[in-house]
Amino acid sequence: TERLKKLESEQITDGQRKIQEIKIELETEERPFIELGIKQKITEITEELEGTEIDNLNHYLTYKLIDGRTLEVEGKQYTLTVNLLIIAETTTYHISVQAKDEGNNEDNRK
């Protein structure tokens, strides 16, 4: 894509390593279309990380961007737990997805 080409050319000219791609790997027992919806929402949240210099990235905030977050997909709430975060040119999030109980109205934010 055009954005990726721009990021690659910027990386070559300034010598700084930057995030070029973000991969999302989910651990879930949900149906594939629910998993796809969750991945799409996570991608929307993390897309601004692309192009960020790795050396200047706040690693804790990058982790907390997703960990403990609750998303709604198809009218159901899902809580995300980051099991592993690999920060590199291809940044990878390994995330567990847990459906929230219908009867549990507890606010899950930290």
N, C-alpha and C. Protein backbone atom coordinates (compact mmCIF):
# COMPACT_ATOMS: atom_id res chain seq x y z
N THR A 1 0.83 -1.19 0.00
CA THR A 1 0.00 0.00 0.00
C THR A 1 0.88 1.25 0.00
N GLU A 2 0.23 2.36 -0.25
CA GLU A 2 0.96 3.62 -0.33
C GLU A 2 1.58 4.00 1.01
N ARG A 3 0.83 3.75 2.09
CA ARG A 3 1.33 4.09 3.43
C ARG A 3 2.57 3.28 3.77
N LEU A 4 2.57 1.99 3.43
CA LEU A 4 3.72 1.14 3.71
C LEU A 4 4.94 1.61 2.91
N LYS A 5 4.74 1.97 1.66
CA LYS A 5 5.86 2.47 0.85
C LYS A 5 6.44 3.74 1.45
N LYS A 6 5.57 4.63 1.95
CA LYS A 6 6.03 5.86 2.57
C LYS A 6 6.84 5.55 3.83
N LEU A 7 6.34 4.60 4.64
CA LEU A 7 7.06 4.22 5.86
C LEU A 7 8.42 3.63 5.55
N GLU A 8 8.48 2.77 4.52
CA GLU A 8 9.75 2.17 4.14
C GLU A 8 10.74 3.22 3.67
N SER A 9 10.28 4.21 2.89
CA SER A 9 11.20 5.24 2.40
C SER A 9 11.67 6.13 3.55
N GLU A 10 10.79 6.42 4.50
CA GLU A 10 11.20 7.21 5.67
C GLU A 10 12.24 6.47 6.49
N GLN A 11 12.06 5.18 6.62
CA GLN A 11 12.99 4.38 7.42
C GLN A 11 14.38 4.36 6.79
N ILE A 12 14.43 4.29 5.49
CA ILE A 12 15.71 4.27 4.78
C ILE A 12 16.43 5.61 4.94
N THR A 13 15.68 6.71 4.88
CA THR A 13 16.32 8.02 4.91
C THR A 13 16.78 8.46 6.29
N ASP A 14 16.03 8.12 7.34
CA ASP A 14 16.44 8.63 8.64
C ASP A 14 17.16 7.59 9.52
N GLY A 15 17.22 6.35 9.09
CA GLY A 15 17.99 5.34 9.80
C GLY A 15 17.33 4.81 11.06
N GLN A 16 16.17 5.31 11.44
CA GLN A 16 15.47 4.84 12.63
C GLN A 16 14.58 3.65 12.28
N ARG A 17 14.59 2.67 13.18
CA ARG A 17 13.68 1.53 12.99
C ARG A 17 12.28 1.92 13.44
N LYS A 18 11.31 1.65 12.57
CA LYS A 18 9.93 2.03 12.85
C LYS A 18 9.02 0.81 12.71
N ILE A 19 7.90 0.88 13.39
CA ILE A 19 6.89 -0.17 13.25
C ILE A 19 6.29 -0.06 11.86
N GLN A 20 6.34 -1.16 11.12
CA GLN A 20 5.81 -1.16 9.76
C GLN A 20 4.52 -1.96 9.65
N GLU A 21 4.34 -2.93 10.56
CA GLU A 21 3.18 -3.80 10.48
C GLU A 21 2.81 -4.24 11.89
N ILE A 22 1.51 -4.44 12.12
CA ILE A 22 1.04 -4.94 13.40
C ILE A 22 0.24 -6.21 13.15
N LYS A 23 0.68 -7.28 13.79
CA LYS A 23 -0.03 -8.56 13.68
C LYS A 23 -0.80 -8.81 14.97
N ILE A 24 -2.01 -9.32 14.82
CA ILE A 24 -2.87 -9.64 15.95
C ILE A 24 -3.13 -11.14 15.95
N GLU A 25 -2.73 -11.82 17.02
CA GLU A 25 -2.98 -13.25 17.17
C GLU A 25 -3.87 -13.44 18.38
N LEU A 26 -5.06 -14.03 18.15
CA LEU A 26 -6.04 -14.18 19.21
C LEU A 26 -6.14 -15.62 19.69
N GLU A 27 -6.32 -15.77 21.00
CA GLU A 27 -6.67 -17.05 21.59
C GLU A 27 -8.13 -16.92 22.01
N THR A 28 -9.01 -17.61 21.30
CA THR A 28 -10.44 -17.50 21.58
C THR A 28 -11.15 -18.74 21.08
N GLU A 29 -12.27 -19.01 21.69
CA GLU A 29 -13.12 -20.11 21.25
C GLU A 29 -14.35 -19.58 20.53
N GLU A 30 -14.35 -18.30 20.21
CA GLU A 30 -15.48 -17.68 19.53
C GLU A 30 -15.51 -18.09 18.06
N ARG A 31 -16.66 -17.90 17.46
CA ARG A 31 -16.83 -18.23 16.05
C ARG A 31 -15.96 -17.31 15.19
N PRO A 32 -15.57 -17.77 14.00
CA PRO A 32 -14.65 -17.00 13.15
C PRO A 32 -15.11 -15.57 12.84
N PHE A 33 -16.41 -15.34 12.62
CA PHE A 33 -16.83 -13.98 12.29
C PHE A 33 -16.73 -13.06 13.51
N ILE A 34 -16.90 -13.61 14.72
CA ILE A 34 -16.71 -12.81 15.93
C ILE A 34 -15.22 -12.50 16.09
N GLU A 35 -14.38 -13.50 15.85
CA GLU A 35 -12.93 -13.30 15.93
C GLU A 35 -12.50 -12.22 14.95
N LEU A 36 -13.04 -12.25 13.75
CA LEU A 36 -12.71 -11.24 12.75
C LEU A 36 -13.13 -9.85 13.21
N GLY A 37 -14.31 -9.73 13.80
CA GLY A 37 -14.78 -8.45 14.32
C GLY A 37 -13.88 -7.91 15.42
N ILE A 38 -13.42 -8.81 16.29
CA ILE A 38 -12.50 -8.40 17.37
C ILE A 38 -11.18 -7.94 16.78
N LYS A 39 -10.65 -8.69 15.81
CA LYS A 39 -9.38 -8.30 15.17
C LYS A 39 -9.51 -6.93 14.50
N GLN A 40 -10.63 -6.69 13.84
CA GLN A 40 -10.83 -5.40 13.17
C GLN A 40 -10.82 -4.25 14.17
N LYS A 41 -11.48 -4.45 15.30
CA LYS A 41 -11.50 -3.38 16.32
C LYS A 41 -10.12 -3.15 16.91
N ILE A 42 -9.36 -4.22 17.14
CA ILE A 42 -8.00 -4.08 17.67
C ILE A 42 -7.11 -3.37 16.65
N THR A 43 -7.28 -3.71 15.39
CA THR A 43 -6.50 -3.06 14.32
C THR A 43 -6.79 -1.57 14.29
N GLU A 44 -8.05 -1.17 14.45
CA GLU A 44 -8.39 0.25 14.48
C GLU A 44 -7.70 0.96 15.64
N ILE A 45 -7.61 0.28 16.78
CA ILE A 45 -6.99 0.87 17.97
C ILE A 45 -5.48 1.01 17.79
N THR A 46 -4.85 0.02 17.17
CA THR A 46 -3.39 -0.01 17.09
C THR A 46 -2.80 0.59 15.82
N GLU A 47 -3.62 0.94 14.85
CA GLU A 47 -3.08 1.37 13.55
C GLU A 47 -2.20 2.61 13.63
N GLU A 48 -2.42 3.46 14.62
CA GLU A 48 -1.60 4.67 14.74
C GLU A 48 -0.18 4.36 15.19
N LEU A 49 0.07 3.14 15.65
CA LEU A 49 1.43 2.76 16.04
C LEU A 49 2.34 2.61 14.82
N GLU A 50 1.76 2.31 13.66
CA GLU A 50 2.56 2.15 12.45
C GLU A 50 3.27 3.46 12.13
N GLY A 51 4.57 3.35 11.89
CA GLY A 51 5.38 4.52 11.60
C GLY A 51 6.07 5.10 12.82
N THR A 52 5.73 4.58 14.01
CA THR A 52 6.35 5.07 15.24
C THR A 52 7.76 4.50 15.38
N GLU A 53 8.70 5.33 15.78
CA GLU A 53 10.07 4.87 16.00
C GLU A 53 10.09 3.92 17.19
N ILE A 54 10.66 2.76 16.99
CA ILE A 54 10.68 1.72 18.02
C ILE A 54 11.44 2.20 19.26
N ASP A 55 12.56 2.87 19.07
CA ASP A 55 13.37 3.31 20.20
C ASP A 55 12.67 4.37 21.06
N ASN A 56 11.75 5.12 20.48
CA ASN A 56 11.06 6.18 21.21
C ASN A 56 9.67 5.77 21.70
N LEU A 57 9.32 4.52 21.50
CA LEU A 57 7.99 4.02 21.85
C LEU A 57 7.89 3.74 23.35
N ASN A 58 6.79 4.14 23.97
CA ASN A 58 6.55 3.82 25.36
C ASN A 58 5.97 2.40 25.40
N HIS A 59 6.80 1.44 25.79
CA HIS A 59 6.41 0.04 25.73
C HIS A 59 5.24 -0.28 26.65
N TYR A 60 5.22 0.33 27.82
CA TYR A 60 4.13 0.08 28.77
C TYR A 60 2.79 0.56 28.19
N LEU A 61 2.78 1.75 27.61
CA LEU A 61 1.54 2.26 27.04
C LEU A 61 1.10 1.43 25.83
N THR A 62 2.05 0.93 25.08
CA THR A 62 1.73 0.08 23.93
C THR A 62 1.04 -1.20 24.41
N TYR A 63 1.49 -1.74 25.53
CA TYR A 63 0.88 -2.92 26.14
C TYR A 63 -0.51 -2.58 26.67
N LYS A 64 -0.62 -1.48 27.43
CA LYS A 64 -1.88 -1.10 28.07
C LYS A 64 -2.92 -0.60 27.06
N LEU A 65 -2.51 -0.32 25.85
CA LEU A 65 -3.44 0.09 24.81
C LEU A 65 -4.52 -0.97 24.61
N ILE A 66 -4.16 -2.23 24.80
CA ILE A 66 -5.07 -3.35 24.57
C ILE A 66 -5.40 -4.11 25.85
N ASP A 67 -4.43 -4.32 26.73
CA ASP A 67 -4.63 -5.17 27.90
C ASP A 67 -5.73 -4.62 28.82
N GLY A 68 -6.69 -5.48 29.15
CA GLY A 68 -7.78 -5.11 30.04
C GLY A 68 -8.93 -4.38 29.35
N ARG A 69 -8.79 -4.12 28.07
CA ARG A 69 -9.83 -3.39 27.33
C ARG A 69 -11.03 -4.30 27.08
N THR A 70 -12.21 -3.71 27.10
CA THR A 70 -13.44 -4.43 26.77
C THR A 70 -13.96 -3.90 25.44
N LEU A 71 -14.25 -4.83 24.53
CA LEU A 71 -14.80 -4.49 23.22
C LEU A 71 -16.18 -5.08 23.09
N GLU A 72 -17.02 -4.43 22.27
CA GLU A 72 -18.33 -4.99 21.98
C GLU A 72 -18.37 -5.40 20.51
N VAL A 73 -18.75 -6.66 20.28
CA VAL A 73 -18.89 -7.19 18.93
C VAL A 73 -20.20 -7.95 18.87
N GLU A 74 -21.03 -7.62 17.91
CA GLU A 74 -22.33 -8.28 17.74
C GLU A 74 -23.15 -8.26 19.03
N GLY A 75 -23.08 -7.15 19.76
CA GLY A 75 -23.88 -6.98 20.95
C GLY A 75 -23.37 -7.70 22.20
N LYS A 76 -22.21 -8.29 22.12
CA LYS A 76 -21.65 -9.01 23.27
C LYS A 76 -20.31 -8.38 23.66
N GLN A 77 -20.02 -8.36 24.95
CA GLN A 77 -18.80 -7.77 25.47
C GLN A 77 -17.69 -8.81 25.58
N TYR A 78 -16.48 -8.40 25.20
CA TYR A 78 -15.30 -9.28 25.27
C TYR A 78 -14.16 -8.52 25.95
N THR A 79 -13.49 -9.18 26.89
CA THR A 79 -12.35 -8.59 27.58
C THR A 79 -11.07 -9.14 26.99
N LEU A 80 -10.10 -8.26 26.74
CA LEU A 80 -8.83 -8.64 26.13
C LEU A 80 -7.72 -8.68 27.17
N THR A 81 -6.87 -9.70 27.07
CA THR A 81 -5.70 -9.82 27.93
C THR A 81 -4.49 -10.05 27.03
N VAL A 82 -3.51 -9.16 27.12
CA VAL A 82 -2.29 -9.31 26.32
C VAL A 82 -1.39 -10.32 27.03
N ASN A 83 -1.14 -11.44 26.37
CA ASN A 83 -0.25 -12.48 26.91
C ASN A 83 1.20 -12.22 26.54
N LEU A 84 1.40 -11.64 25.35
CA LEU A 84 2.75 -11.39 24.86
C LEU A 84 2.69 -10.25 23.87
N LEU A 85 3.66 -9.35 23.97
CA LEU A 85 3.77 -8.24 23.03
C LEU A 85 5.21 -8.22 22.52
N ILE A 86 5.36 -8.36 21.23
CA ILE A 86 6.68 -8.30 20.60
C ILE A 86 6.76 -7.00 19.82
N ILE A 87 7.63 -6.11 20.26
CA ILE A 87 7.77 -4.81 19.59
C ILE A 87 8.98 -4.87 18.68
N ALA A 88 8.71 -4.77 17.40
CA ALA A 88 9.74 -4.81 16.37
C ALA A 88 9.15 -4.15 15.13
N GLU A 89 9.85 -4.21 14.02
CA GLU A 89 9.31 -3.64 12.79
C GLU A 89 7.96 -4.28 12.46
N THR A 90 7.84 -5.58 12.73
CA THR A 90 6.55 -6.25 12.70
C THR A 90 6.19 -6.51 14.16
N THR A 91 5.31 -5.69 14.69
CA THR A 91 4.89 -5.79 16.10
C THR A 91 3.75 -6.79 16.19
N THR A 92 3.84 -7.68 17.18
CA THR A 92 2.85 -8.74 17.32
C THR A 92 2.23 -8.72 18.71
N TYR A 93 0.91 -8.73 18.74
CA TYR A 93 0.16 -8.87 19.98
C TYR A 93 -0.41 -10.29 20.03
N HIS A 94 -0.14 -11.03 21.12
CA HIS A 94 -0.79 -12.32 21.40
C HIS A 94 -1.81 -12.01 22.49
N ILE A 95 -3.09 -12.22 22.17
CA ILE A 95 -4.17 -11.75 23.04
C ILE A 95 -5.16 -12.87 23.32
N SER A 96 -5.53 -13.00 24.61
CA SER A 96 -6.62 -13.90 24.99
C SER A 96 -7.91 -13.09 25.02
N VAL A 97 -8.98 -13.71 24.53
CA VAL A 97 -10.28 -13.05 24.49
C VAL A 97 -11.23 -13.84 25.39
N GLN A 98 -11.88 -13.12 26.30
CA GLN A 98 -12.83 -13.75 27.22
C GLN A 98 -14.17 -13.03 27.11
N ALA A 99 -15.23 -13.79 26.82
CA ALA A 99 -16.56 -13.20 26.79
C ALA A 99 -16.97 -12.83 28.20
N LYS A 100 -17.54 -11.64 28.37
CA LYS A 100 -18.02 -11.22 29.69
C LYS A 100 -19.35 -11.90 29.95
N ASP A 101 -19.58 -12.28 31.19
CA ASP A 101 -20.84 -12.91 31.58
C ASP A 101 -21.97 -11.91 31.40
N GLU A 102 -23.11 -12.40 30.92
CA GLU A 102 -24.28 -11.55 30.70
C GLU A 102 -24.75 -10.90 32.00
N GLY A 103 -24.72 -11.64 33.10
CA GLY A 103 -25.21 -11.13 34.37
C GLY A 103 -24.22 -10.28 35.11
N ASN A 104 -23.01 -10.17 34.62
CA ASN A 104 -21.95 -9.43 35.31
C ASN A 104 -21.91 -8.01 34.79
N ASN A 105 -22.37 -7.06 35.58
CA ASN A 105 -22.39 -5.66 35.16
C ASN A 105 -21.18 -4.89 35.68
N GLU A 106 -20.20 -5.59 36.20
CA GLU A 106 -19.03 -4.96 36.78
C GLU A 106 -18.21 -4.25 35.70
N ASP A 107 -17.77 -3.05 36.02
CA ASP A 107 -16.91 -2.31 35.11
C ASP A 107 -15.51 -2.90 35.19
N ASN A 108 -14.95 -3.33 34.05
CA ASN A 108 -13.69 -4.08 34.06
C ASN A 108 -12.48 -3.21 33.77
N ARG A 109 -12.63 -1.88 33.76
CA ARG A 109 -11.48 -1.02 33.49
C ARG A 109 -10.57 -0.96 34.69
N LYS A 110 -9.26 -0.79 34.43
CA LYS A 110 -8.26 -0.73 35.49
C LYS A 110 -7.87 0.69 35.75
